[in-house]
């Protein structure tokens, strides 16, 4: 069967079209990275360990299993991975139950993408239960697809979440824009061949060829995202 996807390097009008937008959740659309760190420090304090900020750079943006496993190893805490994951999720859920603040520009961007019927996917390393709770604040209707960290065998920084999102939406990853706030997410998006916009939240993200870095979502709109595909090599 002949592929309908133009060969890499062709400059057809179709090749210059934005096909879909993939958005991260924590720290990108919702201001919750601090919530996760509070949950981690709270649970480990209960276990008799004080977490200092040197650990935060490692755990930010990562899947629960990686973050929890790292913290167990770093502290020597006497707790299993499954039990720790449950306790961290419970602590985080208690915090988001009091309300989830959206990042500046997030609501406007979601509304614009929906108004122009741009296929939009929420792609997160958070667990499905967490995503489903936060969709009440974000609006489930804004997303054609949602992918959680526990929906796949491998999550960020592997490209699998973004490749899966593209496959399920029937789009070419090279014509999709990814918006992420951590190096973990940026690595996943770039490995999938997407055009990545980095909006650093907790930790800085270094400049790199083909990577676009902005100060906040207030700088991101549909015209801006379309331009990334038009300008892609």
N, C-alpha and C. Protein backbone atom coordinates (compact mmCIF):
# COMPACT_ATOMS: atom_id res chain seq x y z
N UNK A 1 0.85 -1.18 0.00
CA UNK A 1 0.00 0.00 0.00
C UNK A 1 0.89 1.23 0.00
N UNK A 2 0.53 2.23 -0.80
CA UNK A 2 1.30 3.46 -0.87
C UNK A 2 0.91 4.38 0.26
N UNK A 3 1.91 4.92 0.95
CA UNK A 3 1.64 5.83 2.07
C UNK A 3 1.15 7.16 1.56
N UNK A 4 0.19 7.76 2.29
CA UNK A 4 -0.31 9.08 1.93
C UNK A 4 0.49 10.18 2.59
N UNK A 5 1.48 9.81 3.43
CA UNK A 5 2.30 10.80 4.12
C UNK A 5 3.44 11.20 3.21
N UNK A 6 3.61 12.50 2.90
CA UNK A 6 4.69 12.93 2.02
C UNK A 6 6.04 12.55 2.59
N UNK A 7 6.99 12.28 1.70
CA UNK A 7 8.34 11.95 2.14
C UNK A 7 8.96 13.11 2.89
N UNK A 8 9.85 12.78 3.83
CA UNK A 8 10.51 13.81 4.60
C UNK A 8 11.25 14.76 3.66
N UNK A 9 11.08 16.05 3.89
CA UNK A 9 11.78 17.03 3.09
C UNK A 9 10.93 17.63 1.99
N UNK A 10 9.76 17.05 1.66
CA UNK A 10 8.90 17.64 0.64
C UNK A 10 8.26 18.89 1.19
N UNK A 11 7.94 19.83 0.31
CA UNK A 11 7.40 21.11 0.75
C UNK A 11 6.03 21.34 0.13
N UNK A 12 5.19 20.33 0.17
CA UNK A 12 3.84 20.49 -0.34
C UNK A 12 3.03 21.31 0.66
N UNK A 13 1.88 21.82 0.21
CA UNK A 13 1.01 22.56 1.12
C UNK A 13 0.57 21.67 2.27
N UNK A 14 0.35 20.38 1.96
CA UNK A 14 -0.08 19.44 2.99
C UNK A 14 1.00 19.27 4.05
N UNK A 15 2.27 19.23 3.59
CA UNK A 15 3.37 19.02 4.52
C UNK A 15 3.56 20.20 5.46
N UNK A 16 3.03 21.35 5.07
CA UNK A 16 3.19 22.56 5.89
C UNK A 16 1.97 22.83 6.76
N UNK A 17 1.12 21.81 6.93
CA UNK A 17 -0.12 21.99 7.68
C UNK A 17 -0.02 21.36 9.08
N UNK A 18 -0.42 22.13 10.06
CA UNK A 18 -0.51 21.59 11.42
C UNK A 18 -1.67 20.61 11.49
N UNK A 19 -1.37 19.37 11.88
CA UNK A 19 -2.41 18.34 11.91
C UNK A 19 -3.01 18.12 13.30
N UNK A 20 -2.23 18.34 14.34
CA UNK A 20 -2.73 18.12 15.70
C UNK A 20 -1.81 18.83 16.70
N UNK A 21 -2.36 19.05 17.89
CA UNK A 21 -1.60 19.65 18.99
C UNK A 21 -1.68 18.71 20.18
N UNK A 22 -0.52 18.42 20.77
CA UNK A 22 -0.42 17.55 21.93
C UNK A 22 0.04 18.37 23.12
N UNK A 23 -0.73 18.34 24.19
CA UNK A 23 -0.45 19.16 25.36
C UNK A 23 -0.16 18.32 26.59
N UNK A 24 0.90 18.67 27.29
CA UNK A 24 1.19 18.08 28.59
C UNK A 24 0.20 18.64 29.61
N UNK A 25 0.17 18.05 30.78
CA UNK A 25 -0.78 18.47 31.81
C UNK A 25 -0.11 19.26 32.94
N UNK A 26 0.55 18.55 33.86
CA UNK A 26 1.15 19.19 35.04
C UNK A 26 2.24 20.18 34.66
N UNK A 27 2.08 21.42 35.09
CA UNK A 27 3.07 22.44 34.83
C UNK A 27 2.93 23.10 33.49
N UNK A 28 2.15 22.50 32.58
CA UNK A 28 1.92 23.07 31.26
C UNK A 28 0.54 23.71 31.18
N UNK A 29 -0.50 22.92 31.44
CA UNK A 29 -1.87 23.45 31.43
C UNK A 29 -2.33 23.81 32.83
N UNK A 30 -1.89 23.05 33.82
CA UNK A 30 -2.31 23.31 35.20
C UNK A 30 -1.08 23.52 36.08
N UNK A 31 -1.21 24.41 37.03
CA UNK A 31 -0.09 24.79 37.89
C UNK A 31 -0.01 23.84 39.08
N UNK A 32 0.45 22.60 38.81
CA UNK A 32 0.42 21.56 39.84
C UNK A 32 1.78 20.95 40.13
N UNK A 33 2.83 21.37 39.45
CA UNK A 33 4.14 20.78 39.74
C UNK A 33 4.50 20.99 41.22
N UNK A 34 4.13 22.16 41.75
CA UNK A 34 4.38 22.42 43.17
C UNK A 34 3.58 21.49 44.06
N UNK A 35 2.36 21.12 43.61
CA UNK A 35 1.53 20.19 44.37
C UNK A 35 2.23 18.83 44.50
N UNK A 36 2.82 18.37 43.38
CA UNK A 36 3.51 17.08 43.42
C UNK A 36 4.68 17.12 44.39
N UNK A 37 5.45 18.18 44.37
CA UNK A 37 6.59 18.28 45.28
C UNK A 37 6.13 18.34 46.74
N UNK A 38 5.05 19.06 46.99
CA UNK A 38 4.49 19.11 48.35
C UNK A 38 4.06 17.71 48.80
N UNK A 39 3.44 16.96 47.89
CA UNK A 39 3.00 15.61 48.22
C UNK A 39 4.20 14.72 48.53
N UNK A 40 5.24 14.84 47.72
CA UNK A 40 6.43 14.02 47.92
C UNK A 40 7.13 14.36 49.25
N UNK A 41 7.28 15.65 49.53
CA UNK A 41 7.94 16.03 50.78
C UNK A 41 7.10 15.64 51.99
N UNK A 42 5.77 15.73 51.87
CA UNK A 42 4.89 15.35 52.98
C UNK A 42 5.00 13.87 53.28
N UNK A 43 4.89 13.04 52.24
CA UNK A 43 4.91 11.60 52.45
C UNK A 43 6.26 11.15 53.00
N UNK A 44 7.33 11.71 52.48
CA UNK A 44 8.65 11.29 52.96
C UNK A 44 8.93 11.80 54.37
N UNK A 45 8.36 12.95 54.73
CA UNK A 45 8.48 13.42 56.11
C UNK A 45 7.80 12.43 57.05
N UNK A 46 6.65 11.91 56.62
CA UNK A 46 5.94 10.91 57.42
C UNK A 46 6.78 9.63 57.58
N UNK A 47 7.64 9.38 56.59
CA UNK A 47 8.51 8.20 56.63
C UNK A 47 9.83 8.49 57.34
N UNK A 48 9.99 9.75 57.80
CA UNK A 48 11.19 10.10 58.54
C UNK A 48 12.33 10.62 57.70
N UNK A 49 12.03 11.12 56.51
CA UNK A 49 13.07 11.62 55.61
C UNK A 49 12.71 13.02 55.13
N UNK A 50 13.68 13.91 55.16
CA UNK A 50 13.49 15.27 54.67
C UNK A 50 14.07 15.38 53.26
N UNK A 51 13.24 15.74 52.30
CA UNK A 51 13.70 15.90 50.92
C UNK A 51 14.21 17.32 50.71
N UNK A 52 15.41 17.43 50.16
CA UNK A 52 15.88 18.77 49.80
C UNK A 52 15.67 19.01 48.32
N UNK A 53 15.86 20.25 47.89
CA UNK A 53 15.52 20.63 46.52
C UNK A 53 16.38 19.98 45.45
N UNK A 54 17.49 19.36 45.83
CA UNK A 54 18.32 18.72 44.82
C UNK A 54 17.59 17.55 44.16
N UNK A 55 16.62 16.97 44.88
CA UNK A 55 15.85 15.86 44.29
C UNK A 55 14.78 16.35 43.32
N UNK A 56 14.38 17.58 43.46
CA UNK A 56 13.24 18.07 42.69
C UNK A 56 13.52 18.06 41.19
N UNK A 57 14.75 18.42 40.81
CA UNK A 57 15.10 18.45 39.39
C UNK A 57 14.98 17.07 38.76
N UNK A 58 15.23 16.03 39.54
CA UNK A 58 15.19 14.66 39.02
C UNK A 58 13.75 14.18 38.84
N UNK A 59 12.88 14.48 39.80
CA UNK A 59 11.53 13.91 39.78
C UNK A 59 10.53 14.72 38.97
N UNK A 60 10.82 16.00 38.68
CA UNK A 60 9.84 16.83 38.00
C UNK A 60 9.58 16.31 36.59
N UNK A 61 8.29 16.21 36.26
CA UNK A 61 7.90 15.83 34.91
C UNK A 61 7.94 14.35 34.61
N UNK A 62 8.41 13.55 35.54
CA UNK A 62 8.56 12.13 35.26
C UNK A 62 7.35 11.31 35.67
N UNK A 63 7.29 10.06 35.21
CA UNK A 63 6.20 9.17 35.62
C UNK A 63 6.33 8.81 37.08
N UNK A 64 5.23 8.44 37.70
CA UNK A 64 5.20 8.12 39.12
C UNK A 64 6.21 7.03 39.48
N UNK A 65 6.29 5.97 38.70
CA UNK A 65 7.18 4.86 39.04
C UNK A 65 8.63 5.31 39.06
N UNK A 66 9.02 6.16 38.11
CA UNK A 66 10.40 6.62 38.08
C UNK A 66 10.71 7.53 39.26
N UNK A 67 9.82 8.49 39.51
CA UNK A 67 10.04 9.44 40.60
C UNK A 67 10.05 8.73 41.96
N UNK A 68 9.07 7.86 42.18
CA UNK A 68 8.98 7.15 43.45
C UNK A 68 10.18 6.23 43.65
N UNK A 69 10.56 5.52 42.60
CA UNK A 69 11.71 4.62 42.69
C UNK A 69 12.99 5.38 43.00
N UNK A 70 13.16 6.51 42.35
CA UNK A 70 14.35 7.32 42.61
C UNK A 70 14.39 7.78 44.07
N UNK A 71 13.26 8.26 44.58
CA UNK A 71 13.24 8.79 45.95
C UNK A 71 13.47 7.69 46.99
N UNK A 72 12.96 6.50 46.72
CA UNK A 72 13.23 5.37 47.63
C UNK A 72 14.73 5.09 47.68
N UNK A 73 15.34 5.05 46.50
CA UNK A 73 16.76 4.76 46.43
C UNK A 73 17.59 5.88 47.06
N UNK A 74 17.20 7.14 46.81
CA UNK A 74 17.97 8.27 47.31
C UNK A 74 17.90 8.41 48.82
N UNK A 75 16.76 8.05 49.40
CA UNK A 75 16.57 8.23 50.85
C UNK A 75 16.78 6.97 51.66
N UNK A 76 16.65 5.82 51.01
CA UNK A 76 16.72 4.56 51.75
C UNK A 76 15.46 4.27 52.54
N UNK A 77 14.36 4.93 52.17
CA UNK A 77 13.09 4.74 52.88
C UNK A 77 12.63 3.29 52.80
N UNK A 78 12.11 2.78 53.91
CA UNK A 78 11.66 1.40 53.98
C UNK A 78 10.19 1.33 53.55
N UNK A 79 9.99 1.37 52.25
CA UNK A 79 8.64 1.31 51.70
C UNK A 79 8.72 0.76 50.28
N UNK A 80 7.72 -0.01 49.89
CA UNK A 80 7.69 -0.56 48.55
C UNK A 80 7.20 0.46 47.53
N UNK A 81 7.53 0.21 46.28
CA UNK A 81 7.15 1.14 45.21
C UNK A 81 5.64 1.28 45.09
N UNK A 82 4.92 0.18 45.16
CA UNK A 82 3.46 0.23 45.01
C UNK A 82 2.82 1.01 46.14
N UNK A 83 3.25 0.77 47.38
CA UNK A 83 2.66 1.49 48.51
C UNK A 83 2.99 2.98 48.45
N UNK A 84 4.23 3.29 48.08
CA UNK A 84 4.61 4.70 47.99
C UNK A 84 3.81 5.41 46.91
N UNK A 85 3.62 4.77 45.77
CA UNK A 85 2.84 5.37 44.69
C UNK A 85 1.42 5.69 45.14
N UNK A 86 0.82 4.76 45.89
CA UNK A 86 -0.53 4.98 46.41
C UNK A 86 -0.57 6.17 47.35
N UNK A 87 0.42 6.27 48.23
CA UNK A 87 0.44 7.37 49.20
C UNK A 87 0.69 8.71 48.53
N UNK A 88 1.57 8.73 47.53
CA UNK A 88 1.83 9.98 46.80
C UNK A 88 0.60 10.43 46.03
N UNK A 89 -0.06 9.49 45.37
CA UNK A 89 -1.28 9.83 44.63
C UNK A 89 -2.36 10.36 45.56
N UNK A 90 -2.52 9.72 46.73
CA UNK A 90 -3.54 10.14 47.69
C UNK A 90 -3.25 11.56 48.18
N UNK A 91 -2.00 11.84 48.47
CA UNK A 91 -1.62 13.18 48.93
C UNK A 91 -1.86 14.22 47.85
N UNK A 92 -1.54 13.87 46.62
CA UNK A 92 -1.74 14.80 45.50
C UNK A 92 -3.23 15.03 45.25
N UNK A 93 -4.01 13.96 45.26
CA UNK A 93 -5.45 14.08 45.03
C UNK A 93 -6.10 14.98 46.08
N UNK A 94 -5.64 14.87 47.32
CA UNK A 94 -6.18 15.73 48.38
C UNK A 94 -5.93 17.20 48.06
N UNK A 95 -4.80 17.49 47.46
CA UNK A 95 -4.48 18.87 47.11
C UNK A 95 -5.31 19.37 45.93
N UNK A 96 -5.44 18.57 44.88
CA UNK A 96 -6.19 19.05 43.72
C UNK A 96 -7.69 19.10 44.02
N UNK A 97 -8.10 18.40 45.07
CA UNK A 97 -9.50 18.46 45.47
C UNK A 97 -9.91 19.84 45.93
N UNK A 98 -8.92 20.65 46.28
CA UNK A 98 -9.21 22.03 46.70
C UNK A 98 -9.21 23.00 45.53
N UNK A 99 -9.02 22.46 44.32
CA UNK A 99 -9.04 23.30 43.13
C UNK A 99 -7.73 23.23 42.38
N UNK A 100 -7.82 23.28 41.06
CA UNK A 100 -6.64 23.18 40.20
C UNK A 100 -6.47 24.49 39.44
N UNK A 101 -5.43 25.26 39.75
CA UNK A 101 -5.21 26.52 39.03
C UNK A 101 -4.67 26.27 37.62
N UNK A 102 -5.24 26.91 36.62
CA UNK A 102 -4.74 26.78 35.26
C UNK A 102 -3.57 27.74 35.04
N UNK A 103 -2.65 27.34 34.18
CA UNK A 103 -1.53 28.20 33.85
C UNK A 103 -2.02 29.39 33.01
N UNK A 104 -1.36 30.54 33.12
CA UNK A 104 -1.76 31.71 32.31
C UNK A 104 -1.78 31.37 30.83
N UNK A 105 -2.89 31.66 30.18
CA UNK A 105 -3.03 31.41 28.75
C UNK A 105 -3.61 30.06 28.40
N UNK A 106 -3.73 29.15 29.37
CA UNK A 106 -4.18 27.79 29.07
C UNK A 106 -5.63 27.76 28.59
N UNK A 107 -6.51 28.42 29.31
CA UNK A 107 -7.93 28.37 28.93
C UNK A 107 -8.17 29.01 27.57
N UNK A 108 -7.48 30.11 27.31
CA UNK A 108 -7.63 30.78 26.02
C UNK A 108 -7.13 29.91 24.88
N UNK A 109 -5.98 29.23 25.07
CA UNK A 109 -5.43 28.36 24.03
C UNK A 109 -6.36 27.19 23.76
N UNK A 110 -6.87 26.54 24.80
CA UNK A 110 -7.79 25.42 24.60
C UNK A 110 -9.04 25.85 23.85
N UNK A 111 -9.56 27.01 24.20
CA UNK A 111 -10.77 27.51 23.53
C UNK A 111 -10.50 27.80 22.06
N UNK A 112 -9.32 28.34 21.76
CA UNK A 112 -9.00 28.66 20.37
C UNK A 112 -8.83 27.39 19.54
N UNK A 113 -8.14 26.40 20.08
CA UNK A 113 -7.97 25.14 19.35
C UNK A 113 -9.31 24.47 19.09
N UNK A 114 -10.19 24.51 20.09
CA UNK A 114 -11.52 23.92 19.93
C UNK A 114 -12.34 24.68 18.89
N UNK A 115 -12.27 26.00 18.91
CA UNK A 115 -13.04 26.82 17.99
C UNK A 115 -12.64 26.56 16.54
N UNK A 116 -11.36 26.24 16.31
CA UNK A 116 -10.87 25.97 14.96
C UNK A 116 -10.82 24.48 14.65
N UNK A 117 -11.38 23.67 15.56
CA UNK A 117 -11.48 22.22 15.37
C UNK A 117 -10.13 21.56 15.10
N UNK A 118 -9.10 22.03 15.80
CA UNK A 118 -7.77 21.42 15.69
C UNK A 118 -7.74 20.19 16.59
N UNK A 119 -7.46 19.01 16.07
CA UNK A 119 -7.38 17.82 16.92
C UNK A 119 -6.36 18.04 18.05
N UNK A 120 -6.82 17.87 19.27
CA UNK A 120 -5.98 18.17 20.43
C UNK A 120 -5.99 16.98 21.38
N UNK A 121 -4.79 16.59 21.83
CA UNK A 121 -4.68 15.47 22.75
C UNK A 121 -3.98 15.92 24.02
N UNK A 122 -4.45 15.40 25.14
CA UNK A 122 -3.79 15.60 26.42
C UNK A 122 -2.89 14.40 26.64
N UNK A 123 -1.58 14.64 26.76
CA UNK A 123 -0.61 13.55 26.88
C UNK A 123 0.20 13.77 28.15
N UNK A 124 -0.04 12.95 29.15
CA UNK A 124 0.54 13.17 30.48
C UNK A 124 1.19 11.91 31.03
N UNK A 125 2.18 12.12 31.92
CA UNK A 125 2.78 10.99 32.63
C UNK A 125 2.02 10.68 33.92
N UNK A 126 1.04 11.52 34.27
CA UNK A 126 0.24 11.28 35.46
C UNK A 126 -0.69 10.08 35.26
N UNK A 127 -1.14 9.50 36.36
CA UNK A 127 -2.03 8.35 36.29
C UNK A 127 -3.42 8.75 35.78
N UNK A 128 -4.12 7.78 35.22
CA UNK A 128 -5.45 8.02 34.65
C UNK A 128 -6.41 8.63 35.68
N UNK A 129 -6.36 8.16 36.91
CA UNK A 129 -7.27 8.70 37.92
C UNK A 129 -7.04 10.20 38.14
N UNK A 130 -5.77 10.62 38.08
CA UNK A 130 -5.43 12.03 38.26
C UNK A 130 -5.94 12.84 37.06
N UNK A 131 -5.68 12.35 35.87
CA UNK A 131 -6.11 13.06 34.66
C UNK A 131 -7.62 13.24 34.65
N UNK A 132 -8.35 12.18 34.96
CA UNK A 132 -9.80 12.26 34.92
C UNK A 132 -10.34 13.29 35.90
N UNK A 133 -9.69 13.43 37.05
CA UNK A 133 -10.11 14.45 38.01
C UNK A 133 -9.84 15.86 37.47
N UNK A 134 -8.70 16.05 36.86
CA UNK A 134 -8.33 17.38 36.38
C UNK A 134 -9.12 17.79 35.14
N UNK A 135 -9.65 16.83 34.42
CA UNK A 135 -10.46 17.17 33.25
C UNK A 135 -11.72 17.94 33.63
N UNK A 136 -12.13 17.84 34.89
CA UNK A 136 -13.28 18.63 35.34
C UNK A 136 -12.94 20.11 35.28
N UNK A 137 -11.68 20.46 35.56
CA UNK A 137 -11.26 21.85 35.51
C UNK A 137 -10.92 22.30 34.10
N UNK A 138 -10.33 21.39 33.31
CA UNK A 138 -9.89 21.75 31.96
C UNK A 138 -11.01 21.70 30.93
N UNK A 139 -11.95 20.80 31.14
CA UNK A 139 -13.02 20.60 30.17
C UNK A 139 -12.68 19.44 29.24
N UNK A 140 -13.29 18.30 29.49
CA UNK A 140 -13.02 17.10 28.68
C UNK A 140 -13.31 17.33 27.20
N UNK A 141 -14.24 18.24 26.93
CA UNK A 141 -14.63 18.50 25.54
C UNK A 141 -13.52 19.13 24.70
N UNK A 142 -12.48 19.62 25.34
CA UNK A 142 -11.38 20.25 24.61
C UNK A 142 -10.43 19.23 23.99
N UNK A 143 -10.56 17.96 24.36
CA UNK A 143 -9.59 16.96 23.93
C UNK A 143 -10.25 15.82 23.16
N UNK A 144 -9.70 15.56 21.99
CA UNK A 144 -10.18 14.41 21.22
C UNK A 144 -9.64 13.10 21.79
N UNK A 145 -8.52 13.20 22.49
CA UNK A 145 -7.86 12.02 23.04
C UNK A 145 -7.11 12.41 24.31
N UNK A 146 -7.10 11.52 25.30
CA UNK A 146 -6.26 11.72 26.48
C UNK A 146 -5.45 10.45 26.72
N UNK A 147 -4.17 10.62 27.04
CA UNK A 147 -3.29 9.49 27.34
C UNK A 147 -2.63 9.72 28.69
N UNK A 148 -2.70 8.73 29.55
CA UNK A 148 -2.10 8.81 30.88
C UNK A 148 -0.84 7.96 30.94
N UNK A 149 -0.02 8.22 31.97
CA UNK A 149 1.22 7.48 32.11
C UNK A 149 1.01 5.99 32.30
N UNK A 150 -0.10 5.61 32.93
CA UNK A 150 -0.36 4.19 33.14
C UNK A 150 -1.22 3.56 32.04
N UNK A 151 -1.45 4.31 30.96
CA UNK A 151 -2.15 3.74 29.80
C UNK A 151 -1.19 2.98 28.89
N UNK A 152 0.11 3.25 29.03
CA UNK A 152 1.11 2.68 28.14
C UNK A 152 2.17 1.95 28.94
N UNK A 153 2.87 1.04 28.27
CA UNK A 153 3.96 0.31 28.93
C UNK A 153 5.13 1.24 29.22
N UNK A 154 5.39 2.16 28.30
CA UNK A 154 6.49 3.12 28.48
C UNK A 154 5.94 4.53 28.30
N UNK A 155 6.30 5.41 29.21
CA UNK A 155 5.85 6.79 29.09
C UNK A 155 7.06 7.71 28.94
N UNK A 156 6.88 9.00 29.09
CA UNK A 156 7.97 9.95 28.93
C UNK A 156 9.13 9.60 29.87
N UNK A 157 10.37 9.75 29.44
CA UNK A 157 10.88 10.45 28.26
C UNK A 157 10.90 9.65 26.98
N UNK A 158 10.35 8.44 26.97
CA UNK A 158 10.25 7.67 25.73
C UNK A 158 9.26 8.35 24.79
N UNK A 159 9.41 8.17 23.49
CA UNK A 159 8.49 8.81 22.53
C UNK A 159 7.13 8.15 22.44
N UNK A 160 6.95 7.00 23.08
CA UNK A 160 5.73 6.21 22.93
C UNK A 160 4.43 7.00 23.11
N UNK A 161 4.31 7.87 24.15
CA UNK A 161 3.03 8.57 24.32
C UNK A 161 2.66 9.43 23.11
N UNK A 162 3.64 10.12 22.54
CA UNK A 162 3.34 11.00 21.41
C UNK A 162 3.17 10.23 20.12
N UNK A 163 3.92 9.16 19.95
CA UNK A 163 3.71 8.31 18.77
C UNK A 163 2.34 7.64 18.83
N UNK A 164 1.94 7.23 20.03
CA UNK A 164 0.63 6.61 20.19
C UNK A 164 -0.49 7.61 19.92
N UNK A 165 -0.34 8.81 20.44
CA UNK A 165 -1.36 9.85 20.21
C UNK A 165 -1.50 10.13 18.72
N UNK A 166 -0.37 10.25 18.02
CA UNK A 166 -0.41 10.52 16.58
C UNK A 166 -1.08 9.37 15.83
N UNK A 167 -0.74 8.14 16.20
CA UNK A 167 -1.32 6.97 15.53
C UNK A 167 -2.82 6.89 15.74
N UNK A 168 -3.28 7.16 16.96
CA UNK A 168 -4.71 7.07 17.25
C UNK A 168 -5.51 8.18 16.58
N UNK A 169 -4.86 9.33 16.37
CA UNK A 169 -5.54 10.42 15.68
C UNK A 169 -5.35 10.34 14.17
N UNK A 170 -4.50 9.43 13.72
CA UNK A 170 -4.26 9.27 12.30
C UNK A 170 -3.50 10.44 11.68
N UNK A 171 -2.51 10.96 12.41
CA UNK A 171 -1.75 12.11 11.92
C UNK A 171 -0.26 11.79 11.90
N UNK A 172 0.49 12.63 11.19
CA UNK A 172 1.93 12.48 11.06
C UNK A 172 2.60 13.23 12.22
N UNK A 173 3.41 12.55 13.06
CA UNK A 173 4.06 13.24 14.18
C UNK A 173 4.83 14.48 13.76
N UNK A 174 5.42 14.47 12.56
CA UNK A 174 6.21 15.61 12.09
C UNK A 174 5.35 16.84 11.85
N UNK A 175 4.04 16.63 11.74
CA UNK A 175 3.13 17.77 11.53
C UNK A 175 2.28 18.03 12.77
N UNK A 176 2.82 17.63 13.92
CA UNK A 176 2.14 17.87 15.19
C UNK A 176 3.01 18.75 16.09
N UNK A 177 2.37 19.61 16.85
CA UNK A 177 3.07 20.46 17.82
C UNK A 177 2.86 19.90 19.22
N UNK A 178 3.93 19.82 19.96
CA UNK A 178 3.91 19.36 21.36
C UNK A 178 4.24 20.55 22.25
N UNK A 179 3.48 20.72 23.33
CA UNK A 179 3.77 21.77 24.30
C UNK A 179 4.07 21.11 25.65
N UNK A 180 5.28 21.36 26.16
CA UNK A 180 5.76 20.69 27.38
C UNK A 180 6.47 21.69 28.29
N UNK A 181 6.54 21.35 29.58
CA UNK A 181 7.20 22.25 30.53
C UNK A 181 8.46 21.68 31.15
N UNK A 182 8.79 20.41 30.90
CA UNK A 182 9.98 19.80 31.50
C UNK A 182 10.86 19.16 30.43
N UNK A 183 12.12 18.94 30.79
CA UNK A 183 13.04 18.30 29.86
C UNK A 183 12.61 16.88 29.56
N UNK A 184 11.99 16.22 30.53
CA UNK A 184 11.48 14.86 30.31
C UNK A 184 10.47 14.84 29.17
N UNK A 185 9.52 15.78 29.21
CA UNK A 185 8.49 15.84 28.17
C UNK A 185 9.04 16.31 26.84
N UNK A 186 9.94 17.28 26.89
CA UNK A 186 10.56 17.78 25.66
C UNK A 186 11.31 16.65 24.95
N UNK A 187 12.03 15.85 25.72
CA UNK A 187 12.77 14.72 25.15
C UNK A 187 11.83 13.74 24.46
N UNK A 188 10.69 13.47 25.09
CA UNK A 188 9.71 12.55 24.50
C UNK A 188 9.16 13.10 23.19
N UNK A 189 8.78 14.38 23.19
CA UNK A 189 8.22 14.97 21.99
C UNK A 189 9.21 15.02 20.84
N UNK A 190 10.44 15.38 21.13
CA UNK A 190 11.45 15.45 20.09
C UNK A 190 11.81 14.06 19.56
N UNK A 191 11.86 13.07 20.44
CA UNK A 191 12.15 11.71 20.02
C UNK A 191 11.06 11.15 19.11
N UNK A 192 9.83 11.66 19.29
CA UNK A 192 8.71 11.23 18.44
C UNK A 192 8.71 11.95 17.10
N UNK A 193 9.57 12.95 16.93
CA UNK A 193 9.64 13.67 15.68
C UNK A 193 8.68 14.84 15.58
N UNK A 194 8.11 15.25 16.71
CA UNK A 194 7.17 16.38 16.72
C UNK A 194 7.93 17.69 16.84
N UNK A 195 7.25 18.80 16.54
CA UNK A 195 7.78 20.13 16.78
C UNK A 195 7.44 20.50 18.22
N UNK A 196 8.44 20.82 19.01
CA UNK A 196 8.24 21.00 20.44
C UNK A 196 8.36 22.46 20.86
N UNK A 197 7.37 22.89 21.65
CA UNK A 197 7.40 24.19 22.31
C UNK A 197 7.62 23.93 23.79
N UNK A 198 8.69 24.47 24.33
CA UNK A 198 8.99 24.31 25.75
C UNK A 198 8.55 25.56 26.51
N UNK A 199 7.77 25.33 27.57
CA UNK A 199 7.33 26.41 28.45
C UNK A 199 7.83 26.06 29.85
N UNK A 200 9.09 26.33 30.16
CA UNK A 200 9.68 25.85 31.42
C UNK A 200 8.87 26.29 32.64
N UNK A 201 8.67 25.35 33.57
CA UNK A 201 7.93 25.67 34.79
C UNK A 201 8.87 25.70 35.99
N UNK A 202 9.28 24.53 36.47
CA UNK A 202 10.13 24.47 37.66
C UNK A 202 11.61 24.62 37.33
N UNK A 203 12.08 23.90 36.31
CA UNK A 203 13.50 23.90 35.95
C UNK A 203 13.68 24.49 34.56
N UNK A 204 14.81 25.17 34.31
CA UNK A 204 15.06 25.72 32.98
C UNK A 204 15.26 24.63 31.95
N UNK A 205 14.98 24.94 30.69
CA UNK A 205 15.17 24.01 29.58
C UNK A 205 16.15 24.66 28.60
N UNK A 206 17.26 24.00 28.28
CA UNK A 206 18.25 24.62 27.41
C UNK A 206 17.78 24.74 25.97
N UNK A 207 18.31 25.73 25.27
CA UNK A 207 18.00 25.89 23.85
C UNK A 207 18.65 24.76 23.06
N UNK A 208 18.03 24.40 21.95
CA UNK A 208 18.56 23.36 21.07
C UNK A 208 17.98 23.57 19.68
N UNK A 209 18.67 23.10 18.64
CA UNK A 209 18.16 23.25 17.28
C UNK A 209 16.76 22.66 17.14
N UNK A 210 15.86 23.40 16.55
CA UNK A 210 14.50 22.92 16.33
C UNK A 210 13.59 23.04 17.53
N UNK A 211 14.11 23.47 18.67
CA UNK A 211 13.33 23.60 19.90
C UNK A 211 12.94 25.06 20.10
N UNK A 212 11.65 25.30 20.39
CA UNK A 212 11.16 26.65 20.62
C UNK A 212 10.86 26.82 22.10
N UNK A 213 11.42 27.86 22.71
CA UNK A 213 11.22 28.10 24.14
C UNK A 213 10.50 29.42 24.33
N UNK A 214 9.42 29.39 25.11
CA UNK A 214 8.64 30.60 25.38
C UNK A 214 8.49 30.77 26.89
N UNK A 215 8.09 31.97 27.29
CA UNK A 215 7.97 32.26 28.71
C UNK A 215 6.70 31.77 29.34
N UNK A 216 5.61 31.70 28.57
CA UNK A 216 4.34 31.21 29.09
C UNK A 216 3.41 30.88 27.93
N UNK A 217 2.30 30.24 28.24
CA UNK A 217 1.32 29.92 27.21
C UNK A 217 0.67 31.16 26.62
N UNK A 218 0.83 32.29 27.28
CA UNK A 218 0.27 33.53 26.73
C UNK A 218 0.96 33.91 25.43
N UNK A 219 2.12 33.32 25.16
CA UNK A 219 2.83 33.57 23.90
C UNK A 219 2.45 32.56 22.82
N UNK A 220 1.61 31.60 23.17
CA UNK A 220 1.28 30.50 22.25
C UNK A 220 -0.16 30.62 21.79
N UNK A 221 -0.36 30.70 20.47
CA UNK A 221 -1.70 30.66 19.91
C UNK A 221 -1.67 29.79 18.66
N UNK A 222 -2.80 29.65 17.99
CA UNK A 222 -2.88 28.76 16.84
C UNK A 222 -1.96 29.21 15.72
N UNK A 223 -1.91 30.51 15.46
CA UNK A 223 -1.04 31.02 14.40
C UNK A 223 0.42 30.67 14.69
N UNK A 224 0.82 30.82 15.94
CA UNK A 224 2.19 30.50 16.36
C UNK A 224 2.48 29.02 16.13
N UNK A 225 1.56 28.14 16.52
CA UNK A 225 1.77 26.70 16.37
C UNK A 225 1.82 26.31 14.89
N UNK A 226 0.97 26.91 14.08
CA UNK A 226 0.99 26.64 12.65
C UNK A 226 2.32 27.04 12.02
N UNK A 227 2.90 28.14 12.50
CA UNK A 227 4.15 28.62 11.95
C UNK A 227 5.30 27.65 12.20
N UNK A 228 5.22 26.87 13.28
CA UNK A 228 6.27 25.91 13.57
C UNK A 228 6.34 24.83 12.51
N UNK A 229 5.19 24.42 12.00
CA UNK A 229 5.15 23.38 10.96
C UNK A 229 5.59 23.99 9.63
N UNK A 230 5.14 25.19 9.34
CA UNK A 230 5.50 25.86 8.10
C UNK A 230 7.00 26.05 8.00
N UNK A 231 7.64 26.35 9.16
CA UNK A 231 9.07 26.64 9.18
C UNK A 231 9.94 25.40 9.36
N UNK A 232 9.32 24.24 9.58
CA UNK A 232 10.11 23.03 9.84
C UNK A 232 10.90 22.66 8.60
N UNK A 233 12.13 22.12 8.78
CA UNK A 233 12.98 21.81 7.64
C UNK A 233 12.42 20.66 6.80
